[in-house]
Amino acid sequence: MTRQLGLRVCDRCGDTITNYCPTVETFSAIGALHEPDEQALFGEIVRREGIDPAIVREYFQHRMIPLCKQKVAHCPFCGGQLRTWKARQCMHCFKDWH
């Protein structure tokens, strides 16, 4: 049986990425590892989940330890930087454009 992973949009960079997330059991198991080395965590997730390493690497780069470049958006009213690229309210001028 293969898992249907689906796609989602990365909250930081806006790229389309896989919707994969390790199970709670895997998180519990890797939390008990004595060596919190990134490669050890990566290998343990691949081993426990049986998922393609490329998918786990994408998960690491966008969600677990985000290395993707953060997309920046600015307020259309005052030009201040918004908290996220999807934000619809400015924390500088408090304008709202929902």
PDB file of N, CA and C in Angstrom:
ATOM      1  N   MET A   1       0.840  -1.184   0.000  1.00  0.00           N
ATOM      2  CA  MET A   1       0.000   0.000   0.000  1.00  0.00           C
ATOM      3  C   MET A   1       0.884   1.245   0.000  1.00  0.00           C
ATOM      4  N   THR A   2       0.614   2.178  -0.875  1.00  0.00           N
ATOM      5  CA  THR A   2       1.358   3.429  -0.925  1.00  0.00           C
ATOM      6  C   THR A   2       0.500   4.553  -0.371  1.00  0.00           C
ATOM      7  N   ARG A   3       1.158   5.479   0.289  1.00  0.00           N
ATOM      8  CA  ARG A   3       0.444   6.622   0.850  1.00  0.00           C
ATOM      9  C   ARG A   3       0.230   7.669  -0.226  1.00  0.00           C
ATOM     10  N   GLN A   4      -0.962   8.230  -0.267  1.00  0.00           N
ATOM     11  CA  GLN A   4      -1.249   9.350  -1.163  1.00  0.00           C
ATOM     12  C   GLN A   4      -0.863  10.617  -0.410  1.00  0.00           C
ATOM     13  N   LEU A   5       0.172  11.274  -0.868  1.00  0.00           N
ATOM     14  CA  LEU A   5       0.714  12.408  -0.126  1.00  0.00           C
ATOM     15  C   LEU A   5       0.064  13.734  -0.490  1.00  0.00           C
ATOM     16  N   GLY A   6      -0.260  13.947  -1.736  1.00  0.00           N
ATOM     17  CA  GLY A   6      -0.856  15.215  -2.134  1.00  0.00           C
ATOM     18  C   GLY A   6       0.173  16.330  -2.147  1.00  0.00           C
ATOM     19  N   LEU A   7      -0.294  17.531  -2.435  1.00  0.00           N
ATOM     20  CA  LEU A   7       0.580  18.696  -2.525  1.00  0.00           C
ATOM     21  C   LEU A   7       0.050  19.816  -1.644  1.00  0.00           C
ATOM     22  N   ARG A   8       0.929  20.720  -1.274  1.00  0.00           N
ATOM     23  CA  ARG A   8       0.571  21.903  -0.500  1.00  0.00           C
ATOM     24  C   ARG A   8       1.510  23.027  -0.886  1.00  0.00           C
ATOM     25  N   VAL A   9       1.228  24.218  -0.418  1.00  0.00           N
ATOM     26  CA  VAL A   9       2.081  25.383  -0.680  1.00  0.00           C
ATOM     27  C   VAL A   9       2.908  25.638   0.575  1.00  0.00           C
ATOM     28  N   CYS A  10       4.215  25.820   0.382  1.00  0.00           N
ATOM     29  CA  CYS A  10       5.113  26.109   1.499  1.00  0.00           C
ATOM     30  C   CYS A  10       4.745  27.469   2.088  1.00  0.00           C
ATOM     31  N   ASP A  11       4.637  27.537   3.407  1.00  0.00           N
ATOM     32  CA  ASP A  11       4.270  28.781   4.081  1.00  0.00           C
ATOM     33  C   ASP A  11       5.367  29.836   3.994  1.00  0.00           C
ATOM     34  N   ARG A  12       6.618  29.412   3.835  1.00  0.00           N
ATOM     35  CA  ARG A  12       7.735  30.357   3.787  1.00  0.00           C
ATOM     36  C   ARG A  12       8.018  30.887   2.393  1.00  0.00           C
ATOM     37  N   CYS A  13       8.112  29.981   1.403  1.00  0.00           N
ATOM     38  CA  CYS A  13       8.593  30.412   0.084  1.00  0.00           C
ATOM     39  C   CYS A  13       7.520  30.401  -1.000  1.00  0.00           C
ATOM     40  N   GLY A  14       6.387  29.747  -0.762  1.00  0.00           N
ATOM     41  CA  GLY A  14       5.315  29.722  -1.741  1.00  0.00           C
ATOM     42  C   GLY A  14       5.445  28.638  -2.793  1.00  0.00           C
ATOM     43  N   ASP A  15       6.494  27.800  -2.721  1.00  0.00           N
ATOM     44  CA  ASP A  15       6.652  26.699  -3.670  1.00  0.00           C
ATOM     45  C   ASP A  15       5.619  25.609  -3.380  1.00  0.00           C
ATOM     46  N   THR A  16       5.278  24.845  -4.412  1.00  0.00           N
ATOM     47  CA  THR A  16       4.408  23.691  -4.237  1.00  0.00           C
ATOM     48  C   THR A  16       5.277  22.533  -3.785  1.00  0.00           C
ATOM     49  N   ILE A  17       4.935  21.967  -2.639  1.00  0.00           N
ATOM     50  CA  ILE A  17       5.708  20.870  -2.054  1.00  0.00           C
ATOM     51  C   ILE A  17       4.766  19.725  -1.701  1.00  0.00           C
ATOM     52  N   THR A  18       5.351  18.616  -1.303  1.00  0.00           N
ATOM     53  CA  THR A  18       4.559  17.463  -0.907  1.00  0.00           C
ATOM     54  C   THR A  18       3.874  17.735   0.426  1.00  0.00           C
ATOM     55  N   ASN A  19       2.767  17.099   0.659  1.00  0.00           N
ATOM     56  CA  ASN A  19       2.009  17.276   1.890  1.00  0.00           C
ATOM     57  C   ASN A  19       2.462  16.287   2.965  1.00  0.00           C
ATOM     58  N   TYR A  20       3.601  15.636   2.753  1.00  0.00           N
ATOM     59  CA  TYR A  20       4.097  14.618   3.676  1.00  0.00           C
ATOM     60  C   TYR A  20       4.447  15.197   5.037  1.00  0.00           C
ATOM     61  N   CYS A  21       4.113  14.457   6.075  1.00  0.00           N
ATOM     62  CA  CYS A  21       4.521  14.763   7.437  1.00  0.00           C
ATOM     63  C   CYS A  21       4.670  13.426   8.158  1.00  0.00           C
ATOM     64  N   PRO A  22       5.763  13.212   8.899  1.00  0.00           N
ATOM     65  CA  PRO A  22       5.921  11.951   9.616  1.00  0.00           C
ATOM     66  C   PRO A  22       4.794  11.723  10.612  1.00  0.00           C
ATOM     67  N   THR A  23       4.558  10.462  10.931  1.00  0.00           N
ATOM     68  CA  THR A  23       3.504  10.114  11.879  1.00  0.00           C
ATOM     69  C   THR A  23       3.904  10.495  13.304  1.00  0.00           C
ATOM     70  N   VAL A  24       2.940  10.532  14.178  1.00  0.00           N
ATOM     71  CA  VAL A  24       3.185  10.839  15.589  1.00  0.00           C
ATOM     72  C   VAL A  24       4.114   9.796  16.205  1.00  0.00           C
ATOM     73  N   GLU A  25       3.939   8.537  15.819  1.00  0.00           N
ATOM     74  CA  GLU A  25       4.787   7.474  16.337  1.00  0.00           C
ATOM     75  C   GLU A  25       6.251   7.694  15.955  1.00  0.00           C
ATOM     76  N   THR A  26       6.477   8.133  14.708  1.00  0.00           N
ATOM     77  CA  THR A  26       7.842   8.401  14.269  1.00  0.00           C
ATOM     78  C   THR A  26       8.427   9.584  15.027  1.00  0.00           C
ATOM     79  N   PHE A  27       7.653  10.646  15.211  1.00  0.00           N
ATOM     80  CA  PHE A  27       8.127  11.790  15.992  1.00  0.00           C
ATOM     81  C   PHE A  27       8.480  11.374  17.414  1.00  0.00           C
ATOM     82  N   SER A  28       7.671  10.525  18.012  1.00  0.00           N
ATOM     83  CA  SER A  28       7.947  10.046  19.363  1.00  0.00           C
ATOM     84  C   SER A  28       9.248   9.261  19.403  1.00  0.00           C
ATOM     85  N   ALA A  29       9.441   8.410  18.413  1.00  0.00           N
ATOM     86  CA  ALA A  29      10.646   7.577  18.376  1.00  0.00           C
ATOM     87  C   ALA A  29      11.898   8.408  18.146  1.00  0.00           C
ATOM     88  N   ILE A  30      11.840   9.365  17.223  1.00  0.00           N
ATOM     89  CA  ILE A  30      13.044  10.162  16.952  1.00  0.00           C
ATOM     90  C   ILE A  30      13.309  11.169  18.066  1.00  0.00           C
ATOM     91  N   GLY A  31      12.297  11.496  18.832  1.00  0.00           N
ATOM     92  CA  GLY A  31      12.499  12.378  19.981  1.00  0.00           C
ATOM     93  C   GLY A  31      13.319  11.714  21.064  1.00  0.00           C
ATOM     94  N   ALA A  32      13.314  10.381  21.075  1.00  0.00           N
ATOM     95  CA  ALA A  32      14.049   9.628  22.087  1.00  0.00           C
ATOM     96  C   ALA A  32      15.495   9.358  21.681  1.00  0.00           C
ATOM     97  N   LEU A  33      15.880   9.735  20.458  1.00  0.00           N
ATOM     98  CA  LEU A  33      17.262   9.526  20.018  1.00  0.00           C
ATOM     99  C   LEU A  33      18.206  10.383  20.851  1.00  0.00           C
ATOM    100  N   HIS A  34      19.338   9.819  21.177  1.00  0.00           N
ATOM    101  CA  HIS A  34      20.304  10.550  21.996  1.00  0.00           C
ATOM    102  C   HIS A  34      21.148  11.513  21.170  1.00  0.00           C
ATOM    103  N   GLU A  35      21.266  11.232  19.873  1.00  0.00           N
ATOM    104  CA  GLU A  35      22.038  12.099  18.993  1.00  0.00           C
ATOM    105  C   GLU A  35      21.082  12.859  18.073  1.00  0.00           C
ATOM    106  N   PRO A  36      20.794  14.119  18.370  1.00  0.00           N
ATOM    107  CA  PRO A  36      19.865  14.877  17.526  1.00  0.00           C
ATOM    108  C   PRO A  36      20.523  15.395  16.246  1.00  0.00           C
ATOM    109  N   ASP A  37      21.416  14.588  15.674  1.00  0.00           N
ATOM    110  CA  ASP A  37      22.090  14.934  14.424  1.00  0.00           C
ATOM    111  C   ASP A  37      21.076  14.903  13.288  1.00  0.00           C
ATOM    112  N   GLU A  38      21.150  15.893  12.390  1.00  0.00           N
ATOM    113  CA  GLU A  38      20.185  15.990  11.293  1.00  0.00           C
ATOM    114  C   GLU A  38      20.214  14.748  10.401  1.00  0.00           C
ATOM    115  N   GLN A  39      21.406  14.240  10.096  1.00  0.00           N
ATOM    116  CA  GLN A  39      21.510  13.048   9.247  1.00  0.00           C
ATOM    117  C   GLN A  39      20.914  11.828   9.942  1.00  0.00           C
ATOM    118  N   ALA A  40      21.113  11.706  11.262  1.00  0.00           N
ATOM    119  CA  ALA A  40      20.547  10.587  12.003  1.00  0.00           C
ATOM    120  C   ALA A  40      19.020  10.661  12.001  1.00  0.00           C
ATOM    121  N   LEU A  41      18.483  11.865  12.189  1.00  0.00           N
ATOM    122  CA  LEU A  41      17.028  12.040  12.154  1.00  0.00           C
ATOM    123  C   LEU A  41      16.479  11.714  10.771  1.00  0.00           C
ATOM    124  N   PHE A  42      17.155  12.201   9.746  1.00  0.00           N
ATOM    125  CA  PHE A  42      16.756  11.947   8.371  1.00  0.00           C
ATOM    126  C   PHE A  42      16.713  10.446   8.089  1.00  0.00           C
ATOM    127  N   GLY A  43      17.789   9.753   8.440  1.00  0.00           N
ATOM    128  CA  GLY A  43      17.865   8.309   8.216  1.00  0.00           C
ATOM    129  C   GLY A  43      16.809   7.542   8.986  1.00  0.00           C
ATOM    130  N   GLU A  44      16.543   7.960  10.200  1.00  0.00           N
ATOM    131  CA  GLU A  44      15.538   7.272  11.026  1.00  0.00           C
ATOM    132  C   GLU A  44      14.131   7.459  10.462  1.00  0.00           C
ATOM    133  N   ILE A  45      13.822   8.650   9.981  1.00  0.00           N
ATOM    134  CA  ILE A  45      12.500   8.891   9.382  1.00  0.00           C
ATOM    135  C   ILE A  45      12.338   8.047   8.118  1.00  0.00           C
ATOM    136  N   VAL A  46      13.369   8.013   7.268  1.00  0.00           N
ATOM    137  CA  VAL A  46      13.301   7.205   6.042  1.00  0.00           C
ATOM    138  C   VAL A  46      13.107   5.738   6.397  1.00  0.00           C
ATOM    139  N   ARG A  47      13.844   5.247   7.390  1.00  0.00           N
ATOM    140  CA  ARG A  47      13.761   3.847   7.785  1.00  0.00           C
ATOM    141  C   ARG A  47      12.389   3.502   8.359  1.00  0.00           C
ATOM    142  N   ARG A  48      11.887   4.323   9.257  1.00  0.00           N
ATOM    143  CA  ARG A  48      10.610   4.027   9.923  1.00  0.00           C
ATOM    144  C   ARG A  48       9.406   4.198   9.002  1.00  0.00           C
ATOM    145  N   GLU A  49       9.426   5.216   8.162  1.00  0.00           N
ATOM    146  CA  GLU A  49       8.266   5.527   7.333  1.00  0.00           C
ATOM    147  C   GLU A  49       8.270   4.780   5.997  1.00  0.00           C
ATOM    148  N   GLY A  50       9.447   4.359   5.535  1.00  0.00           N
ATOM    149  CA  GLY A  50       9.529   3.711   4.234  1.00  0.00           C
ATOM    150  C   GLY A  50       9.203   4.668   3.093  1.00  0.00           C
ATOM    151  N   ILE A  51       9.549   5.916   3.261  1.00  0.00           N
ATOM    152  CA  ILE A  51       9.258   6.971   2.291  1.00  0.00           C
ATOM    153  C   ILE A  51      10.518   7.253   1.470  1.00  0.00           C
ATOM    154  N   ASP A  52      10.335   7.685   0.241  1.00  0.00           N
ATOM    155  CA  ASP A  52      11.426   8.064  -0.638  1.00  0.00           C
ATOM    156  C   ASP A  52      12.272   9.154   0.041  1.00  0.00           C
ATOM    157  N   PRO A  53      13.590   8.999   0.089  1.00  0.00           N
ATOM    158  CA  PRO A  53      14.446  10.007   0.732  1.00  0.00           C
ATOM    159  C   PRO A  53      14.285  11.410   0.154  1.00  0.00           C
ATOM    160  N   ALA A  54      13.950  11.529  -1.134  1.00  0.00           N
ATOM    161  CA  ALA A  54      13.760  12.859  -1.731  1.00  0.00           C
ATOM    162  C   ALA A  54      12.574  13.575  -1.102  1.00  0.00           C
ATOM    163  N   ILE A  55      11.522  12.841  -0.768  1.00  0.00           N
ATOM    164  CA  ILE A  55      10.350  13.440  -0.123  1.00  0.00           C
ATOM    165  C   ILE A  55      10.687  13.884   1.295  1.00  0.00           C
ATOM    166  N   VAL A  56      11.443  13.054   2.013  1.00  0.00           N
ATOM    167  CA  VAL A  56      11.839  13.414   3.381  1.00  0.00           C
ATOM    168  C   VAL A  56      12.770  14.622   3.350  1.00  0.00           C
ATOM    169  N   ARG A  57      13.669  14.683   2.362  1.00  0.00           N
ATOM    170  CA  ARG A  57      14.567  15.845   2.245  1.00  0.00           C
ATOM    171  C   ARG A  57      13.766  17.122   1.994  1.00  0.00           C
ATOM    172  N   GLU A  58      12.751  17.028   1.136  1.00  0.00           N
ATOM    173  CA  GLU A  58      11.893  18.186   0.869  1.00  0.00           C
ATOM    174  C   GLU A  58      11.170  18.614   2.145  1.00  0.00           C
ATOM    175  N   TYR A  59      10.704  17.647   2.935  1.00  0.00           N
ATOM    176  CA  TYR A  59      10.066  17.947   4.221  1.00  0.00           C
ATOM    177  C   TYR A  59      11.039  18.692   5.137  1.00  0.00           C
ATOM    178  N   PHE A  60      12.277  18.209   5.217  1.00  0.00           N
ATOM    179  CA  PHE A  60      13.294  18.855   6.048  1.00  0.00           C
ATOM    180  C   PHE A  60      13.536  20.286   5.594  1.00  0.00           C
ATOM    181  N   GLN A  61      13.693  20.491   4.274  1.00  0.00           N
ATOM    182  CA  GLN A  61      14.066  21.797   3.748  1.00  0.00           C
ATOM    183  C   GLN A  61      12.956  22.833   3.818  1.00  0.00           C
ATOM    184  N   HIS A  62      11.706  22.396   3.854  1.00  0.00           N
ATOM    185  CA  HIS A  62      10.606  23.356   3.855  1.00  0.00           C
ATOM    186  C   HIS A  62       9.841  23.426   5.174  1.00  0.00           C
ATOM    187  N   ARG A  63       9.878  22.362   5.976  1.00  0.00           N
ATOM    188  CA  ARG A  63       9.014  22.358   7.150  1.00  0.00           C
ATOM    189  C   ARG A  63       9.745  22.097   8.460  1.00  0.00           C
ATOM    190  N   MET A  64      10.616  21.096   8.514  1.00  0.00           N
ATOM    191  CA  MET A  64      11.237  20.737   9.789  1.00  0.00           C
ATOM    192  C   MET A  64      12.364  21.708  10.157  1.00  0.00           C
ATOM    193  N   ILE A  65      13.291  21.893   9.242  1.00  0.00           N
ATOM    194  CA  ILE A  65      14.386  22.843   9.422  1.00  0.00           C
ATOM    195  C   ILE A  65      14.388  23.713   8.174  1.00  0.00           C
ATOM    196  N   PRO A  66      13.527  24.728   8.114  1.00  0.00           N
ATOM    197  CA  PRO A  66      13.338  25.476   6.864  1.00  0.00           C
ATOM    198  C   PRO A  66      14.613  26.153   6.373  1.00  0.00           C
ATOM    199  N   LEU A  67      15.032  25.744   5.175  1.00  0.00           N
ATOM    200  CA  LEU A  67      16.194  26.337   4.534  1.00  0.00           C
ATOM    201  C   LEU A  67      15.798  27.116   3.285  1.00  0.00           C
ATOM    202  N   CYS A  68      14.518  27.033   2.915  1.00  0.00           N
ATOM    203  CA  CYS A  68      14.063  27.726   1.719  1.00  0.00           C
ATOM    204  C   CYS A  68      14.057  29.236   1.971  1.00  0.00           C
ATOM    205  N   LYS A  69      14.203  29.978   0.895  1.00  0.00           N
ATOM    206  CA  LYS A  69      14.235  31.430   1.003  1.00  0.00           C
ATOM    207  C   LYS A  69      12.833  31.955   1.314  1.00  0.00           C
ATOM    208  N   GLN A  70      12.744  32.770   2.349  1.00  0.00           N
ATOM    209  CA  GLN A  70      11.448  33.296   2.759  1.00  0.00           C
ATOM    210  C   GLN A  70      10.967  34.351   1.774  1.00  0.00           C
ATOM    211  N   LYS A  71       9.739  34.172   1.325  1.00  0.00           N
ATOM    212  CA  LYS A  71       9.115  35.118   0.407  1.00  0.00           C
ATOM    213  C   LYS A  71       8.597  36.292   1.242  1.00  0.00           C
ATOM    214  N   VAL A  72       8.851  37.488   0.789  1.00  0.00           N
ATOM    215  CA  VAL A  72       8.481  38.686   1.548  1.00  0.00           C
ATOM    216  C   VAL A  72       7.401  39.446   0.784  1.00  0.00           C
ATOM    217  N   ALA A  73       6.425  39.959   1.516  1.00  0.00           N
ATOM    218  CA  ALA A  73       5.371  40.790   0.934  1.00  0.00           C
ATOM    219  C   ALA A  73       5.305  42.099   1.715  1.00  0.00           C
ATOM    220  N   HIS A  74       4.811  43.111   1.048  1.00  0.00           N
ATOM    221  CA  HIS A  74       4.725  44.433   1.676  1.00  0.00           C
ATOM    222  C   HIS A  74       3.289  44.938   1.638  1.00  0.00           C
ATOM    223  N   CYS A  75       2.948  45.750   2.609  1.00  0.00           N
ATOM    224  CA  CYS A  75       1.614  46.327   2.720  1.00  0.00           C
ATOM    225  C   CYS A  75       1.348  47.254   1.531  1.00  0.00           C
ATOM    226  N   PRO A  76       0.181  47.113   0.882  1.00  0.00           N
ATOM    227  CA  PRO A  76      -0.136  47.999  -0.240  1.00  0.00           C
ATOM    228  C   PRO A  76      -0.465  49.428   0.205  1.00  0.00           C
ATOM    229  N   PHE A  77      -0.666  49.636   1.499  1.00  0.00           N
ATOM    230  CA  PHE A  77      -1.022  50.966   2.005  1.00  0.00           C
ATOM    231  C   PHE A  77       0.188  51.747   2.528  1.00  0.00           C
ATOM    232  N   CYS A  78       0.994  51.121   3.400  1.00  0.00           N
ATOM    233  CA  CYS A  78       2.126  51.837   4.000  1.00  0.00           C
ATOM    234  C   CYS A  78       3.485  51.332   3.526  1.00  0.00           C
ATOM    235  N   GLY A  79       3.516  50.165   2.878  1.00  0.00           N
ATOM    236  CA  GLY A  79       4.774  49.619   2.386  1.00  0.00           C
ATOM    237  C   GLY A  79       5.555  48.829   3.419  1.00  0.00           C
ATOM    238  N   GLY A  80       5.019  48.695   4.632  1.00  0.00           N
ATOM    239  CA  GLY A  80       5.697  47.928   5.672  1.00  0.00           C
ATOM    240  C   GLY A  80       5.725  46.440   5.346  1.00  0.00           C
ATOM    241  N   GLN A  81       6.737  45.744   5.870  1.00  0.00           N
ATOM    242  CA  GLN A  81       6.859  44.314   5.614  1.00  0.00           C
ATOM    243  C   GLN A  81       5.800  43.550   6.399  1.00  0.00           C
ATOM    244  N   LEU A  82       5.108  42.651   5.694  1.00  0.00           N
ATOM    245  CA  LEU A  82       4.085  41.834   6.335  1.00  0.00           C
ATOM    246  C   LEU A  82       4.740  40.639   7.019  1.00  0.00           C
ATOM    247  N   ARG A  83       4.048  40.050   7.988  1.00  0.00           N
ATOM    248  CA  ARG A  83       4.612  38.911   8.716  1.00  0.00           C
ATOM    249  C   ARG A  83       4.825  37.700   7.835  1.00  0.00           C
ATOM    250  N   THR A  84       3.892  37.431   6.924  1.00  0.00           N
ATOM    251  CA  THR A  84       4.044  36.342   5.958  1.00  0.00           C
ATOM    252  C   THR A  84       3.653  36.866   4.591  1.00  0.00           C
ATOM    253  N   TRP A  85       4.001  36.129   3.550  1.00  0.00           N
ATOM    254  CA  TRP A  85       3.664  36.557   2.192  1.00  0.00           C
ATOM    255  C   TRP A  85       2.185  36.425   1.904  1.00  0.00           C
ATOM    256  N   LYS A  86       1.452  35.684   2.747  1.00  0.00           N
ATOM    257  CA  LYS A  86       0.011  35.499   2.560  1.00  0.00           C
ATOM    258  C   LYS A  86      -0.817  36.426   3.442  1.00  0.00           C
ATOM    259  N   ALA A  87      -0.180  37.222   4.284  1.00  0.00           N
ATOM    260  CA  ALA A  87      -0.890  38.064   5.246  1.00  0.00           C
ATOM    261  C   ALA A  87      -1.821  39.044   4.548  1.00  0.00           C
ATOM    262  N   ARG A  88      -2.941  39.311   5.179  1.00  0.00           N
ATOM    263  CA  ARG A  88      -3.923  40.257   4.655  1.00  0.00           C
ATOM    264  C   ARG A  88      -4.250  41.335   5.683  1.00  0.00           C
ATOM    265  N   GLN A  89      -3.312  41.527   6.620  1.00  0.00           N
ATOM    266  CA  GLN A  89      -3.438  42.603   7.598  1.00  0.00           C
ATOM    267  C   GLN A  89      -2.034  43.074   7.945  1.00  0.00           C
ATOM    268  N   CYS A  90      -1.844  44.386   7.969  1.00  0.00           N
ATOM    269  CA  CYS A  90      -0.543  44.970   8.255  1.00  0.00           C
ATOM    270  C   CYS A  90      -0.437  45.245   9.752  1.00  0.00           C
ATOM    271  N   MET A  91       0.680  44.861  10.345  1.00  0.00           N
ATOM    272  CA  MET A  91       0.909  45.110  11.767  1.00  0.00           C
ATOM    273  C   MET A  91       1.572  46.467  11.999  1.00  0.00           C
ATOM    274  N   HIS A  92       1.864  47.206  10.900  1.00  0.00           N
ATOM    275  CA  HIS A  92       2.436  48.542  11.032  1.00  0.00           C
ATOM    276  C   HIS A  92       1.332  49.603  11.030  1.00  0.00           C
ATOM    277  N   CYS A  93       0.474  49.562  10.005  1.00  0.00           N
ATOM    278  CA  CYS A  93      -0.595  50.567   9.903  1.00  0.00           C
ATOM    279  C   CYS A  93      -1.967  49.996  10.280  1.00  0.00           C
ATOM    280  N   PHE A  94      -2.036  48.693  10.546  1.00  0.00           N
ATOM    281  CA  PHE A  94      -3.248  47.983  10.980  1.00  0.00           C
ATOM    282  C   PHE A  94      -4.359  47.966   9.928  1.00  0.00           C
ATOM    283  N   LYS A  95      -4.012  48.227   8.668  1.00  0.00           N
ATOM    284  CA  LYS A  95      -5.009  48.101   7.584  1.00  0.00           C
ATOM    285  C   LYS A  95      -5.292  46.629   7.365  1.00  0.00           C
ATOM    286  N   ASP A  96      -6.519  46.353   6.892  1.00  0.00           N
ATOM    287  CA  ASP A  96      -6.998  45.000   6.710  1.00  0.00           C
ATOM    288  C   ASP A  96      -7.639  44.902   5.328  1.00  0.00           C
ATOM    289  N   TRP A  97      -7.244  43.951   4.512  1.00  0.00           N
ATOM    290  CA  TRP A  97      -7.813  43.806   3.172  1.00  0.00           C
ATOM    291  C   TRP A  97      -8.227  42.360   2.898  1.00  0.00           C
ATOM    292  N   HIS A  98      -8.947  41.787   3.834  1.00  0.00           N
ATOM    293  CA  HIS A  98      -9.449  40.406   3.693  1.00  0.00           C
ATOM    294  C   HIS A  98     -10.476  40.311   2.596  1.00  0.00           C
TER     295      HIS A  98
END
